[in-house]
């Protein structure tokens, strides 16, 4: 190595050491300042505000009592494996309390139309809760198992109407934490367990439960998902004497195929599905409501 190069290297190293020592002293002062600041009332007030804000959003998301562990939810619930002995149906008479829960379908289009239709009857009260992009899959995001328990315990409904699952079409973890790919047979079995556990938890607390299935969709991304989910909802509801699956698939089809425009019960034809092929318009929400109410009125006597 040449003498000039050696001198340059030594000079660079000395400069680097000086820079490090200078920055270290500066960082040390900042750390000391922060440690001192953490003891002030200002910082303590900040922590209290942050904790309060976190609790506020937890209440809104319905996860206040949610551990985020699907293992706890699946292991704690009694599971009905075989159909129970059929019970002679008895009409539910007014006063009747309805609880409507679900994802975006309960927030726009269908949910508001169903609530309004029910409230036109005497002796009927309705509580409607919906949360966008939720279902039975990602309970780490939103826990409908716990939230449903909370709502049922709080409002004591006679009838529960649920519609969710459009956002469940993604990879899923079983209670051991193993991941299962969407479309696989193991995915279907894990999701089936979720539905069965959900019904096991809530159905004993109700006189009647209606599970509204997904209507036919014009969105290819959701088509296969819904075709896999609806049979699961149907077969699991059949294991509970007070649970009814409402198959809406064909109601939104024309000659067995998807159509964005359909006719209502009076023959009026309008756009029933939004451009995404999944969500319903206000008109579609009314059509879906009329269809669901036909099943409800078989068991519930309201005027």
Protein backbone atom coordinates (compact mmCIF):
# COMPACT_ATOMS: atom_id res chain seq x y z
CA UNK A 1 0.00 0.00 0.00
CA UNK A 2 1.33 3.42 -0.92
CA UNK A 3 2.14 5.93 1.84
CA UNK A 4 -0.50 8.41 0.59
CA UNK A 5 -3.18 5.70 0.56
CA UNK A 6 -2.21 4.60 4.08
CA UNK A 7 -2.43 8.16 5.38
CA UNK A 8 -5.85 8.56 3.72
CA UNK A 9 -7.09 5.34 5.31
CA UNK A 10 -5.89 6.35 8.80
CA UNK A 11 -7.42 9.80 8.44
CA UNK A 12 -10.75 8.27 7.37
CA UNK A 13 -10.78 5.89 10.33
CA UNK A 14 -10.01 8.69 12.80
CA UNK A 15 -12.79 10.82 11.33
CA UNK A 16 -15.22 7.91 11.58
CA UNK A 17 -14.34 7.32 15.25
CA UNK A 18 -14.82 11.01 16.05
CA UNK A 19 -18.18 11.02 14.26
CA UNK A 20 -19.38 7.91 16.15
CA UNK A 21 -18.33 9.33 19.52
CA UNK A 22 -20.04 12.62 18.74
CA UNK A 23 -23.29 10.91 17.68
CA UNK A 24 -23.15 8.54 20.67
CA UNK A 25 -22.95 11.48 23.03
CA UNK A 26 -25.87 13.13 21.24
CA UNK A 27 -27.96 9.95 21.30
CA UNK A 28 -27.15 9.44 24.98
CA UNK A 29 -28.39 12.92 25.78
CA UNK A 30 -31.62 12.22 23.81
CA UNK A 31 -32.16 8.92 25.64
CA UNK A 32 -31.60 10.61 28.99
CA UNK A 33 -34.04 13.37 28.04
CA UNK A 34 -36.70 10.84 26.97
CA UNK A 35 -36.30 8.83 30.17
CA UNK A 36 -36.78 12.01 32.14
CA UNK A 37 -39.80 13.02 30.00
CA UNK A 38 -41.48 9.63 30.69
CA UNK A 39 -41.73 10.63 34.36
CA UNK A 40 -43.67 13.82 33.63
CA UNK A 41 -47.43 14.26 34.00
CA UNK A 42 -47.65 15.20 30.31
CA UNK A 43 -46.35 11.80 29.24
CA UNK A 44 -48.61 10.00 31.72
CA UNK A 45 -51.61 11.90 30.34
CA UNK A 46 -50.59 10.83 26.84
CA UNK A 47 -50.50 7.17 27.89
CA UNK A 48 -53.92 7.47 29.52
CA UNK A 49 -55.36 9.04 26.37
CA UNK A 50 -53.79 6.33 24.20
CA UNK A 51 -55.24 3.59 26.41
CA UNK A 52 -58.67 5.21 26.36
CA UNK A 53 -58.58 5.55 22.57
CA UNK A 54 -57.58 1.90 22.20
CA UNK A 55 -60.47 0.80 24.42
CA UNK A 56 -62.87 2.98 22.42
CA UNK A 57 -61.96 1.33 19.12
CA UNK A 58 -62.02 -2.12 20.71
CA UNK A 59 -65.60 -1.53 21.80
CA UNK A 60 -66.57 -0.46 18.29
CA UNK A 61 -64.93 -3.50 16.72
CA UNK A 62 -66.56 -5.79 19.25
CA UNK A 63 -63.30 -7.38 20.30
CA UNK A 64 -63.20 -6.17 23.90
CA UNK A 65 -63.39 -9.73 25.21
CA UNK A 66 -61.71 -11.31 22.20
CA UNK A 67 -58.35 -12.94 22.81
CA UNK A 68 -57.73 -13.19 19.08
CA UNK A 69 -57.10 -16.91 19.48
CA UNK A 70 -59.38 -19.14 17.43
CA UNK A 71 -58.20 -22.09 19.54
CA UNK A 72 -60.03 -20.74 22.59
CA UNK A 73 -63.22 -20.17 20.64
CA UNK A 74 -63.27 -23.56 18.94
CA UNK A 75 -62.34 -25.54 22.04
CA UNK A 76 -64.75 -23.82 24.43
CA UNK A 77 -67.93 -24.34 22.41
CA UNK A 78 -70.12 -27.45 22.49
CA UNK A 79 -70.45 -28.86 18.98
CA UNK A 80 -73.47 -30.68 17.62
CA UNK A 81 -72.25 -33.43 15.31
CA UNK A 82 -75.57 -35.04 14.32
CA UNK A 83 -79.06 -33.68 13.63
CA UNK A 84 -81.29 -33.46 16.66
CA UNK A 85 -84.78 -34.98 16.82
CA UNK A 86 -87.12 -32.69 14.86
CA UNK A 87 -89.31 -30.48 17.02
CA UNK A 88 -92.88 -29.61 16.09
CA UNK A 89 -92.62 -25.98 14.93
CA UNK A 90 -94.50 -23.41 16.98
CA UNK A 91 -95.35 -19.96 15.79
CA UNK A 92 -93.45 -17.12 17.42
CA UNK A 93 -95.91 -14.37 18.26
CA UNK A 94 -95.54 -10.69 19.09
CA UNK A 95 -93.82 -9.08 20.79
CA UNK A 96 -90.79 -10.29 18.84
CA UNK A 97 -87.22 -9.05 19.12
CA UNK A 98 -85.04 -9.39 16.02
CA UNK A 99 -81.27 -9.17 15.89
CA UNK A 100 -79.73 -8.67 12.42
CA UNK A 101 -75.98 -9.08 12.08
CA UNK A 102 -73.47 -9.42 9.28
CA UNK A 103 -70.99 -7.71 7.02
CA UNK A 104 -71.53 -4.94 4.47
CA UNK A 105 -74.74 -6.63 3.27
CA UNK A 106 -76.26 -5.76 6.63
CA UNK A 107 -75.06 -2.18 6.38
CA UNK A 108 -76.27 -1.20 2.90
CA UNK A 109 -78.95 -2.46 0.55
CA UNK A 110 -80.26 -5.56 2.30
CA UNK A 111 -79.89 -4.77 6.00
CA UNK A 112 -81.74 -1.42 6.01
CA UNK A 113 -84.52 -2.84 3.80
CA UNK A 114 -84.97 -5.86 6.08
CA UNK A 115 -85.05 -3.69 9.20
CA UNK A 116 -87.64 -1.34 7.69
CA UNK A 117 -89.79 -4.26 6.56
CA UNK A 118 -89.78 -5.82 10.02
CA UNK A 119 -90.54 -2.55 11.80
CA UNK A 120 -93.73 -2.11 9.78
CA UNK A 121 -95.24 -4.82 11.96
CA UNK A 122 -96.75 -4.22 15.39
CA UNK A 123 -94.90 -5.56 18.40
CA UNK A 124 -91.57 -5.88 16.57
CA UNK A 125 -88.24 -4.43 17.68
CA UNK A 126 -85.01 -4.65 15.68
CA UNK A 127 -81.33 -4.27 16.46
CA UNK A 128 -79.05 -4.26 13.42
CA UNK A 129 -75.25 -4.57 13.61
CA UNK A 130 -72.92 -4.76 10.64
CA UNK A 131 -69.17 -4.47 10.19
CA UNK A 132 -67.51 -4.15 6.80
CA UNK A 133 -65.19 -6.93 5.61
CA UNK A 134 -65.97 -9.37 8.42
CA UNK A 135 -67.02 -12.99 8.77
CA UNK A 136 -66.03 -16.18 10.59
CA UNK A 137 -62.53 -16.49 9.17
CA UNK A 138 -60.24 -13.70 10.39
CA UNK A 139 -61.28 -13.37 14.03
CA UNK A 140 -57.97 -11.60 14.65
CA UNK A 141 -59.55 -8.73 12.67
CA UNK A 142 -63.10 -9.05 14.02
CA UNK A 143 -64.61 -11.69 16.28
CA UNK A 144 -68.25 -12.39 15.45
CA UNK A 145 -68.29 -15.33 17.85
CA UNK A 146 -67.75 -13.11 20.87
CA UNK A 147 -69.63 -10.11 19.46
CA UNK A 148 -72.73 -12.24 18.77
CA UNK A 149 -72.67 -13.52 22.34
CA UNK A 150 -72.43 -9.95 23.61
CA UNK A 151 -75.32 -8.73 21.45
CA UNK A 152 -77.56 -11.68 22.34
CA UNK A 153 -76.86 -11.29 26.04
CA UNK A 154 -77.52 -7.57 25.83
CA UNK A 155 -80.68 -7.51 23.68
CA UNK A 156 -82.22 -10.94 24.36
CA UNK A 157 -83.57 -11.43 20.80
CA UNK A 158 -86.12 -14.07 19.87
CA UNK A 159 -84.90 -14.28 16.29
CA UNK A 160 -81.42 -13.87 14.79
CA UNK A 161 -80.86 -13.25 11.09
CA UNK A 162 -77.26 -13.49 9.92
CA UNK A 163 -75.59 -12.85 6.60
CA UNK A 164 -71.83 -12.80 6.32
CA UNK A 165 -69.02 -14.72 4.72
CA UNK A 166 -68.27 -12.82 1.51
CA UNK A 167 -64.91 -11.86 3.01
CA UNK A 168 -64.17 -15.34 4.33
CA UNK A 169 -62.88 -16.52 0.95
CA UNK A 170 -59.19 -16.47 1.87
CA UNK A 171 -56.69 -18.79 3.50
CA UNK A 172 -57.80 -20.07 6.88
CA UNK A 173 -56.10 -21.44 10.00
CA UNK A 174 -57.38 -24.40 11.98
CA UNK A 175 -57.36 -24.50 15.78
CA UNK A 176 -53.82 -25.86 15.80
CA UNK A 177 -52.62 -22.85 13.79
CA UNK A 178 -52.08 -24.76 10.56
CA UNK A 179 -52.91 -22.80 7.41
CA UNK A 180 -55.21 -24.18 4.72
CA UNK A 181 -55.36 -22.85 1.19
CA UNK A 182 -58.62 -21.54 -0.23
CA UNK A 183 -60.19 -24.07 -2.58
CA UNK A 184 -58.75 -27.12 -0.86
CA UNK A 185 -60.93 -29.76 0.78
CA UNK A 186 -59.22 -29.12 4.10
CA UNK A 187 -60.21 -25.44 3.83
CA UNK A 188 -63.85 -26.47 3.52
CA UNK A 189 -63.62 -28.69 6.60
CA UNK A 190 -61.99 -25.97 8.69
CA UNK A 191 -64.58 -23.43 7.57
CA UNK A 192 -67.35 -25.94 8.22
CA UNK A 193 -66.07 -26.23 11.78
CA UNK A 194 -66.27 -22.45 12.17
CA UNK A 195 -69.91 -22.43 11.04
CA UNK A 196 -70.80 -25.39 13.24
CA UNK A 197 -69.18 -23.85 16.31
CA UNK A 198 -70.92 -20.53 15.66
CA UNK A 199 -74.31 -22.24 15.47
CA UNK A 200 -73.51 -24.28 18.58
CA UNK A 201 -72.79 -21.11 20.54
CA UNK A 202 -75.77 -18.98 19.51
CA UNK A 203 -78.67 -21.27 18.57
CA UNK A 204 -79.46 -22.43 22.14
CA UNK A 205 -80.07 -18.78 23.09
CA UNK A 206 -82.67 -18.17 20.36
CA UNK A 207 -86.13 -19.24 19.33
CA UNK A 208 -85.18 -19.07 15.66
CA UNK A 209 -82.10 -18.41 13.56
CA UNK A 210 -82.07 -17.64 9.84
CA UNK A 211 -78.84 -17.85 7.86
CA UNK A 212 -79.14 -15.97 4.58
CA UNK A 213 -77.03 -17.52 1.85
CA UNK A 214 -75.10 -15.69 -0.84
CA UNK A 215 -77.08 -14.85 -4.00
CA UNK A 216 -75.60 -15.76 -7.37
CA UNK A 217 -72.78 -13.37 -8.26
CA UNK A 218 -71.48 -11.89 -11.48
CA UNK A 219 -68.00 -11.62 -9.99
CA UNK A 220 -65.83 -14.57 -11.09
CA UNK A 221 -63.58 -14.07 -8.09
CA UNK A 222 -66.48 -14.76 -5.71
CA UNK A 223 -68.39 -17.34 -7.74
CA UNK A 224 -66.42 -20.42 -6.67
CA UNK A 225 -66.18 -19.13 -3.10
CA UNK A 226 -69.94 -18.75 -2.72
CA UNK A 227 -70.59 -22.10 -4.36
CA UNK A 228 -68.37 -23.69 -1.71
CA UNK A 229 -69.76 -21.72 1.23
CA UNK A 230 -73.52 -21.99 0.67
CA UNK A 231 -73.64 -25.82 0.93
CA UNK A 232 -71.69 -25.57 4.19
CA UNK A 233 -74.18 -23.10 5.66
CA UNK A 234 -77.08 -25.29 4.52
CA UNK A 235 -75.75 -28.61 5.83
CA UNK A 236 -74.72 -27.15 9.19
CA UNK A 237 -78.04 -25.37 9.72
CA UNK A 238 -79.77 -28.71 9.20
CA UNK A 239 -78.09 -29.96 12.39
CA UNK A 240 -79.97 -27.46 14.53
CA UNK A 241 -83.76 -27.67 14.89
CA UNK A 242 -84.23 -23.91 15.22
CA UNK A 243 -81.86 -22.92 12.36
CA UNK A 244 -83.02 -22.28 8.80
CA UNK A 245 -80.80 -21.74 5.77
CA UNK A 246 -82.36 -19.40 3.20
CA UNK A 247 -81.08 -20.25 -0.27
CA UNK A 248 -81.13 -17.00 -2.27
CA UNK A 249 -78.99 -18.16 -5.19
CA UNK A 250 -81.69 -18.61 -7.82
CA UNK A 251 -83.70 -15.57 -6.75
CA UNK A 252 -81.03 -13.35 -8.29
CA UNK A 253 -80.65 -15.46 -11.42
CA UNK A 254 -82.49 -15.32 -14.73
CA UNK A 255 -82.88 -18.73 -16.34
CA UNK A 256 -80.17 -20.05 -14.05
CA UNK A 257 -77.62 -17.40 -15.03
CA UNK A 258 -76.46 -14.22 -13.33
CA UNK A 259 -78.21 -11.02 -14.34
CA UNK A 260 -77.63 -7.56 -12.94
CA UNK A 261 -81.29 -6.74 -13.50
CA UNK A 262 -84.13 -8.90 -12.16
CA UNK A 263 -87.83 -8.49 -11.46
CA UNK A 264 -89.41 -8.06 -8.06
CA UNK A 265 -92.53 -9.93 -6.95
CA UNK A 266 -94.72 -7.37 -8.75
CA UNK A 267 -92.93 -7.75 -12.08
CA UNK A 268 -90.96 -4.50 -11.85
CA UNK A 269 -87.53 -5.05 -13.41
CA UNK A 270 -84.59 -2.95 -12.27
CA UNK A 271 -80.87 -3.16 -11.47
CA UNK A 272 -80.56 -5.40 -8.41
CA UNK A 273 -76.79 -5.82 -8.13
CA UNK A 274 -74.09 -3.20 -7.94
CA UNK A 275 -71.27 -3.15 -10.46
CA UNK A 276 -69.12 -5.47 -8.32
CA UNK A 277 -71.65 -8.25 -8.89
CA UNK A 278 -71.81 -8.97 -5.15
CA UNK A 279 -73.55 -6.17 -3.27
CA UNK A 280 -77.20 -5.40 -3.86
CA UNK A 281 -78.70 -2.06 -4.80
CA UNK A 282 -81.57 -0.59 -2.83
CA UNK A 283 -83.91 -2.33 -5.26
CA UNK A 284 -81.99 -5.59 -4.85
CA UNK A 285 -82.14 -5.17 -1.09
CA UNK A 286 -85.92 -4.93 -1.27
CA UNK A 287 -86.09 -8.05 -3.47
CA UNK A 288 -83.85 -9.96 -1.06
CA UNK A 289 -85.88 -8.73 1.91
CA UNK A 290 -89.17 -9.90 0.38
CA UNK A 291 -87.61 -13.30 -0.29
CA UNK A 292 -86.25 -13.66 3.24
CA UNK A 293 -89.51 -12.50 4.82
CA UNK A 294 -91.36 -15.40 3.17
CA UNK A 295 -89.26 -17.80 5.25
CA UNK A 296 -89.54 -15.70 8.40
CA UNK A 297 -93.34 -15.46 8.20
CA UNK A 298 -93.61 -19.24 8.16
CA UNK A 299 -92.44 -19.24 11.78
CA UNK A 300 -93.16 -15.75 13.08
CA UNK A 301 -96.69 -14.41 13.37
CA UNK A 302 -96.54 -10.63 13.01
CA UNK A 303 -98.84 -8.08 11.40
